[in-house]
Amino acid sequence: MLLIPCPWCGDRALIEFTYRGDATVVRPKESDSDEQWYDYVYTRDNPRGEHSEWWHHTAGCRRWLKVHRNTWTHQISGSEAP
């Protein structure tokens, strides 16, 4: 079972969380081009290795957290408050 370390609740089972996506993506400004907005909405990398992701503790404290996970091994190296 994959355990995610919640900064507020401690280690919890994966089933208590909802994955939101890549935590490294930066939202464009309203004045940015349509191409930049298209990339933001539709284009995502599929990294292999260490990666930061947004997770929501839906069945616990209901807070958002940033999880640092290796996408190749699924090993979680830590988490932090946003």
Protein backbone atom coordinates (compact mmCIF):
# COMPACT_ATOMS: atom_id res chain seq x y z
CA MET A 1 0.00 0.00 0.00
CA LEU A 2 1.29 3.45 -0.90
CA LEU A 3 1.43 5.82 2.08
CA ILE A 4 1.40 9.58 1.58
CA PRO A 5 2.84 11.70 4.41
CA CYS A 6 0.29 14.43 5.15
CA PRO A 7 2.00 17.37 6.92
CA TRP A 8 -1.01 17.66 9.26
CA CYS A 9 -2.24 14.06 9.72
CA GLY A 10 0.90 11.95 9.29
CA ASP A 11 1.24 8.93 7.00
CA ARG A 12 -2.07 7.99 5.37
CA ALA A 13 -3.19 5.49 2.72
CA LEU A 14 -3.33 6.60 -0.92
CA ILE A 15 -7.08 5.96 -1.00
CA GLU A 16 -7.64 9.00 1.26
CA PHE A 17 -6.20 11.35 -1.38
CA THR A 18 -7.16 12.73 -4.77
CA TYR A 19 -4.47 13.50 -7.35
CA ARG A 20 -4.69 16.97 -8.89
CA GLY A 21 -1.67 17.12 -11.18
CA ASP A 22 1.73 18.59 -11.85
CA ALA A 23 2.81 21.08 -9.18
CA THR A 24 5.43 22.69 -11.43
CA VAL A 25 2.98 24.12 -13.99
CA VAL A 26 2.58 27.89 -13.74
CA ARG A 27 -0.71 29.51 -14.78
CA PRO A 28 -0.25 32.10 -17.58
CA LYS A 29 -1.33 35.71 -17.19
CA GLU A 30 -4.62 36.80 -18.73
CA SER A 31 -2.70 38.81 -21.31
CA ASP A 32 -0.61 35.83 -22.49
CA SER A 33 -1.12 34.31 -25.93
CA ASP A 34 -3.63 31.63 -26.86
CA GLU A 35 -0.72 29.25 -27.48
CA GLN A 36 0.52 29.70 -23.91
CA TRP A 37 -2.98 29.05 -22.59
CA TYR A 38 -3.34 25.98 -24.81
CA ASP A 39 -0.07 24.59 -23.45
CA TYR A 40 -1.20 25.28 -19.88
CA VAL A 41 -4.53 23.52 -20.31
CA TYR A 42 -3.67 20.61 -22.63
CA THR A 43 0.08 19.98 -22.81
CA ARG A 44 1.70 18.01 -20.02
CA ASP A 45 5.05 16.32 -19.68
CA ASN A 46 5.22 12.73 -18.52
CA PRO A 47 8.40 12.87 -16.44
CA ARG A 48 10.35 9.82 -15.35
CA GLY A 49 11.95 10.25 -11.95
CA GLU A 50 11.53 12.83 -9.19
CA HIS A 51 8.48 15.02 -9.62
CA SER A 52 6.29 17.40 -7.55
CA GLU A 53 2.53 16.83 -7.60
CA TRP A 54 -0.58 18.37 -6.06
CA TRP A 55 -2.67 16.05 -3.89
CA HIS A 56 -5.85 16.77 -1.91
CA HIS A 57 -6.47 14.94 1.37
CA THR A 58 -10.16 14.43 0.61
CA ALA A 59 -10.86 11.77 3.27
CA GLY A 60 -8.85 13.48 5.99
CA CYS A 61 -8.04 17.10 6.79
CA ARG A 62 -9.23 18.23 3.30
CA ARG A 63 -6.09 20.30 2.76
CA TRP A 64 -3.91 20.55 -0.34
CA LEU A 65 -0.32 19.36 -0.21
CA LYS A 66 2.62 19.12 -2.55
CA VAL A 67 4.01 15.58 -2.73
CA HIS A 68 7.49 14.78 -4.04
CA ARG A 69 7.29 11.39 -5.75
CA ASN A 70 9.46 9.34 -8.07
CA THR A 71 7.21 8.47 -11.02
CA TRP A 72 9.40 5.50 -11.95
CA THR A 73 9.46 3.75 -8.55
CA HIS A 74 6.43 5.45 -6.91
CA GLN A 75 8.60 6.12 -3.86
CA ILE A 76 7.53 9.26 -2.01
CA SER A 77 10.43 11.34 -0.71
CA GLY A 78 8.32 13.83 1.21
CA SER A 79 5.48 16.31 1.20
CA GLU A 80 4.91 19.91 2.22
CA ALA A 81 2.19 22.49 2.67
CA PRO A 82 1.54 24.62 -0.42
